[in-house]
C-alpha atoms as a PDB file:
ATOM      1  CA  MET A   1       0.000   0.000   0.000  1.00  0.00           C
ATOM      2  CA  THR A   2       2.839   2.391   0.817  1.00  0.00           C
ATOM      3  CA  SER A   3       4.436   1.962  -2.620  1.00  0.00           C
ATOM      4  CA  ARG A   4       1.101   2.705  -4.354  1.00  0.00           C
ATOM      5  CA  PHE A   5       0.681   5.809  -2.206  1.00  0.00           C
ATOM      6  CA  SER A   6       4.245   6.931  -3.011  1.00  0.00           C
ATOM      7  CA  ALA A   7       3.681   6.342  -6.724  1.00  0.00           C
ATOM      8  CA  ALA A   8       0.465   8.389  -6.618  1.00  0.00           C
ATOM      9  CA  ILE A   9       2.240  11.258  -4.858  1.00  0.00           C
ATOM     10  CA  ALA A  10       5.099  11.129  -7.371  1.00  0.00           C
ATOM     11  CA  ALA A  11       2.657  11.221 -10.291  1.00  0.00           C
ATOM     12  CA  ALA A  12       0.775  14.144  -8.755  1.00  0.00           C
ATOM     13  CA  LEU A  13       4.032  16.054  -8.262  1.00  0.00           C
ATOM     14  CA  LEU A  14       5.023  15.462 -11.888  1.00  0.00           C
ATOM     15  CA  VAL A  15       1.680  16.780 -13.112  1.00  0.00           C
ATOM     16  CA  ALA A  16       1.932  19.811 -10.830  1.00  0.00           C
ATOM     17  CA  ALA A  17       5.490  20.542 -11.982  1.00  0.00           C
ATOM     18  CA  SER A  18       4.430  20.244 -15.605  1.00  0.00           C
ATOM     19  CA  LEU A  19       1.521  22.627 -15.122  1.00  0.00           C
ATOM     20  CA  ALA A  20       3.704  25.090 -13.236  1.00  0.00           C
ATOM     21  CA  SER A  21       6.330  25.152 -15.981  1.00  0.00           C
ATOM     22  CA  ASN A  22       3.662  25.670 -18.659  1.00  0.00           C
ATOM     23  CA  ALA A  23       2.089  28.472 -16.647  1.00  0.00           C
ATOM     24  CA  ALA A  24       5.466  30.178 -16.318  1.00  0.00           C
ATOM     25  CA  ALA A  25       6.129  30.135 -20.083  1.00  0.00           C
ATOM     26  CA  GLU A  26       6.073  33.598 -21.599  1.00  0.00           C
ATOM     27  CA  GLU A  27       4.967  34.743 -25.042  1.00  0.00           C
ATOM     28  CA  HIS A  28       7.192  37.380 -26.628  1.00  0.00           C
ATOM     29  CA  VAL A  29       5.721  39.374 -29.519  1.00  0.00           C
ATOM     30  CA  VAL A  30       7.967  40.652 -32.295  1.00  0.00           C
ATOM     31  CA  LYS A  31       6.714  43.036 -34.973  1.00  0.00           C
ATOM     32  CA  MET A  32       7.927  42.681 -38.567  1.00  0.00           C
ATOM     33  CA  MET A  33       8.149  46.267 -39.790  1.00  0.00           C
ATOM     34  CA  ASN A  34       9.179  48.443 -42.744  1.00  0.00           C
ATOM     35  CA  ALA A  35      10.264  51.289 -40.450  1.00  0.00           C
ATOM     36  CA  ASN A  36      10.190  52.224 -36.777  1.00  0.00           C
ATOM     37  CA  GLY A  37       9.878  56.007 -37.188  1.00  0.00           C
ATOM     38  CA  LYS A  38      13.354  56.459 -35.710  1.00  0.00           C
ATOM     39  CA  GLY A  39      15.365  56.107 -38.914  1.00  0.00           C
ATOM     40  CA  LYS A  40      15.592  52.324 -38.916  1.00  0.00           C
ATOM     41  CA  PHE A  41      14.155  50.413 -41.862  1.00  0.00           C
ATOM     42  CA  MET A  42      13.299  46.747 -42.491  1.00  0.00           C
ATOM     43  CA  LEU A  43      13.428  45.474 -38.948  1.00  0.00           C
ATOM     44  CA  PHE A  44      12.107  43.172 -36.292  1.00  0.00           C
ATOM     45  CA  GLU A  45      11.029  44.995 -33.137  1.00  0.00           C
ATOM     46  CA  PRO A  46      12.387  44.033 -30.723  1.00  0.00           C
ATOM     47  CA  GLU A  47      15.309  42.506 -32.558  1.00  0.00           C
ATOM     48  CA  PHE A  48      16.920  40.941 -29.468  1.00  0.00           C
ATOM     49  CA  ILE A  49      14.995  38.786 -27.003  1.00  0.00           C
ATOM     50  CA  LYS A  50      16.122  37.004 -23.871  1.00  0.00           C
ATOM     51  CA  ALA A  51      13.802  34.054 -23.360  1.00  0.00           C
ATOM     52  CA  ASN A  52      13.573  30.800 -21.456  1.00  0.00           C
ATOM     53  CA  VAL A  53      13.223  27.292 -22.775  1.00  0.00           C
ATOM     54  CA  GLY A  54       9.462  26.754 -23.079  1.00  0.00           C
ATOM     55  CA  ASP A  55       8.721  30.359 -24.048  1.00  0.00           C
ATOM     56  CA  THR A  56       7.231  31.260 -27.415  1.00  0.00           C
ATOM     57  CA  VAL A  57       8.104  34.098 -29.755  1.00  0.00           C
ATOM     58  CA  LYS A  58       5.290  35.270 -32.039  1.00  0.00           C
ATOM     59  CA  PHE A  59       6.370  37.150 -35.164  1.00  0.00           C
ATOM     60  CA  VAL A  60       3.588  39.481 -36.331  1.00  0.00           C
ATOM     61  CA  PRO A  61       3.649  41.226 -39.729  1.00  0.00           C
ATOM     62  CA  THR A  62       2.692  44.856 -39.163  1.00  0.00           C
ATOM     63  CA  ASN A  63       3.571  45.642 -42.783  1.00  0.00           C
ATOM     64  CA  LYS A  64       3.240  43.420 -45.862  1.00  0.00           C
ATOM     65  CA  GLY A  65       6.159  41.620 -47.478  1.00  0.00           C
ATOM     66  CA  HIS A  66       7.827  40.099 -44.392  1.00  0.00           C
ATOM     67  CA  ASN A  67       8.348  36.653 -42.948  1.00  0.00           C
ATOM     68  CA  ALA A  68      10.406  35.102 -40.152  1.00  0.00           C
ATOM     69  CA  GLU A  69      12.581  32.040 -40.652  1.00  0.00           C
ATOM     70  CA  THR A  70      15.595  30.184 -39.322  1.00  0.00           C
ATOM     71  CA  ILE A  71      19.158  31.281 -40.019  1.00  0.00           C
ATOM     72  CA  PRO A  72      20.545  27.721 -40.261  1.00  0.00           C
ATOM     73  CA  ASP A  73      24.126  28.722 -39.367  1.00  0.00           C
ATOM     74  CA  LEU A  74      22.922  30.380 -36.169  1.00  0.00           C
ATOM     75  CA  TRP A  75      20.570  27.833 -34.608  1.00  0.00           C
ATOM     76  CA  PRO A  76      20.827  25.334 -31.733  1.00  0.00           C
ATOM     77  CA  GLU A  77      21.464  21.772 -32.844  1.00  0.00           C
ATOM     78  CA  GLY A  78      18.283  19.715 -32.749  1.00  0.00           C
ATOM     79  CA  ALA A  79      15.971  22.704 -32.254  1.00  0.00           C
ATOM     80  CA  ALA A  80      12.803  22.788 -34.357  1.00  0.00           C
ATOM     81  CA  GLU A  81      13.278  25.059 -37.352  1.00  0.00           C
ATOM     82  CA  LEU A  82      11.047  27.982 -38.273  1.00  0.00           C
ATOM     83  CA  LYS A  83       9.812  29.067 -41.703  1.00  0.00           C
ATOM     84  CA  GLY A  84       6.942  31.502 -41.814  1.00  0.00           C
ATOM     85  CA  GLU A  85       5.074  32.456 -44.970  1.00  0.00           C
ATOM     86  CA  LEU A  86       5.034  36.032 -46.249  1.00  0.00           C
ATOM     87  CA  ASN A  87       2.507  38.244 -44.457  1.00  0.00           C
ATOM     88  CA  GLN A  88       1.647  35.532 -41.917  1.00  0.00           C
ATOM     89  CA  GLU A  89       2.155  35.263 -38.171  1.00  0.00           C
ATOM     90  CA  VAL A  90       4.492  32.499 -37.136  1.00  0.00           C
ATOM     91  CA  VAL A  91       5.361  31.206 -33.671  1.00  0.00           C
ATOM     92  CA  LEU A  92       8.731  29.912 -32.537  1.00  0.00           C
ATOM     93  CA  THR A  93       8.642  27.634 -29.507  1.00  0.00           C
ATOM     94  CA  ILE A  94      11.960  27.681 -27.693  1.00  0.00           C
ATOM     95  CA  ASP A  95      12.580  23.966 -27.227  1.00  0.00           C
ATOM     96  CA  LYS A  96      16.352  23.949 -26.640  1.00  0.00           C
ATOM     97  CA  PRO A  97      18.783  26.326 -24.952  1.00  0.00           C
ATOM     98  CA  GLY A  98      20.983  28.405 -27.226  1.00  0.00           C
ATOM     99  CA  ILE A  99      21.094  31.261 -29.692  1.00  0.00           C
ATOM    100  CA  TYR A 100      18.386  31.442 -32.356  1.00  0.00           C
ATOM    101  CA  GLY A 101      19.033  33.570 -35.451  1.00  0.00           C
ATOM    102  CA  ILE A 102      15.910  34.728 -37.313  1.00  0.00           C
ATOM    103  CA  LYS A 103      15.736  36.471 -40.682  1.00  0.00           C
ATOM    104  CA  CYS A 104      13.159  37.969 -42.994  1.00  0.00           C
ATOM    105  CA  HIS A 105      14.027  36.230 -46.248  1.00  0.00           C
ATOM    106  CA  PRO A 106      13.232  39.141 -48.628  1.00  0.00           C
ATOM    107  CA  HIS A 107      14.977  41.761 -46.493  1.00  0.00           C
ATOM    108  CA  TYR A 108      17.813  39.744 -44.996  1.00  0.00           C
ATOM    109  CA  PRO A 109      20.573  41.404 -47.087  1.00  0.00           C
ATOM    110  CA  MET A 110      19.249  44.766 -45.826  1.00  0.00           C
ATOM    111  CA  GLY A 111      19.831  43.670 -42.231  1.00  0.00           C
ATOM    112  CA  MET A 112      16.412  42.391 -41.204  1.00  0.00           C
ATOM    113  CA  LEU A 113      17.435  39.866 -38.596  1.00  0.00           C
ATOM    114  CA  ALA A 114      16.683  39.124 -34.979  1.00  0.00           C
ATOM    115  CA  MET A 115      18.237  37.060 -32.235  1.00  0.00           C
ATOM    116  CA  VAL A 116      16.639  35.057 -29.441  1.00  0.00           C
ATOM    117  CA  VAL A 117      18.843  33.846 -26.593  1.00  0.00           C
ATOM    118  CA  ALA A 118      17.563  31.173 -24.229  1.00  0.00           C
ATOM    119  CA  GLY A 119      19.370  29.530 -21.324  1.00  0.00           C
ATOM    120  CA  ASP A 120      22.868  28.136 -21.840  1.00  0.00           C
ATOM    121  CA  LEU A 121      24.578  29.399 -24.973  1.00  0.00           C
ATOM    122  CA  THR A 122      25.130  25.903 -26.365  1.00  0.00           C
ATOM    123  CA  ASN A 123      25.985  27.181 -29.854  1.00  0.00           C
ATOM    124  CA  LYS A 124      27.949  30.314 -28.919  1.00  0.00           C
ATOM    125  CA  ALA A 125      30.807  29.361 -31.262  1.00  0.00           C
ATOM    126  CA  GLN A 126      28.429  29.987 -34.182  1.00  0.00           C
ATOM    127  CA  LEU A 127      28.461  33.710 -33.357  1.00  0.00           C
ATOM    128  CA  ASP A 128      32.055  33.980 -34.561  1.00  0.00           C
ATOM    129  CA  THR A 129      31.804  31.675 -37.583  1.00  0.00           C
ATOM    130  CA  TYR A 130      28.585  33.114 -39.023  1.00  0.00           C
ATOM    131  CA  THR A 131      28.770  35.960 -41.545  1.00  0.00           C
ATOM    132  CA  PRO A 132      25.544  37.642 -42.687  1.00  0.00           C
ATOM    133  CA  PRO A 133      25.111  38.961 -46.240  1.00  0.00           C
ATOM    134  CA  GLY A 134      25.106  42.537 -47.470  1.00  0.00           C
ATOM    135  CA  THR A 135      24.610  45.326 -44.984  1.00  0.00           C
ATOM    136  CA  ALA A 136      23.307  42.916 -42.334  1.00  0.00           C
ATOM    137  CA  GLN A 137      26.774  42.737 -40.742  1.00  0.00           C
ATOM    138  CA  LYS A 138      26.346  46.023 -38.846  1.00  0.00           C
ATOM    139  CA  ARG A 139      23.062  44.922 -37.228  1.00  0.00           C
ATOM    140  CA  TYR A 140      24.448  41.459 -36.579  1.00  0.00           C
ATOM    141  CA  ASP A 141      27.435  42.924 -34.732  1.00  0.00           C
ATOM    142  CA  ALA A 142      25.096  45.020 -32.571  1.00  0.00           C
ATOM    143  CA  LEU A 143      23.029  41.913 -31.721  1.00  0.00           C
ATOM    144  CA  LYS A 144      26.174  39.912 -30.926  1.00  0.00           C
ATOM    145  CA  GLU A 145      27.208  42.532 -28.372  1.00  0.00           C
ATOM    146  CA  GLN A 146      23.968  41.962 -26.449  1.00  0.00           C
ATOM    147  CA  VAL A 147      24.415  38.188 -26.064  1.00  0.00           C
ATOM    148  CA  GLY A 148      26.592  38.273 -22.958  1.00  0.00           C
ATOM    149  CA  LYS A 149      24.689  41.045 -21.182  1.00  0.00           C
END
């Protein structure tokens, strides 16, 4: 009888822990924009997010012509990839710790990229080996500086 009671308590604790972790998950909202009114064009706002494993990041098109998708060379190994359609919301669920690079495919060479950092920086070495195209380097460098803060 004692082992059945212990098993029931253990199961109840697992369910409670699961519910608590789901309740603590946060949704971050990122706008996909043509301009922010402050001289910055083709951007995600915010473009840098500190999150936790289990959180979600919703990318919302506030202007037409944008999407959000994985930067394969800046993505945690084994994490589910992201590829949103143009003009559609897409949600990234943070399922692994690490650094997640996100781009807007049409505006990537113009610097439209974002970074999500969650938990341990398991793929930090990718920060130094990855090189973005076109004028994206300047924004990428600014995002890189925020990783350790």
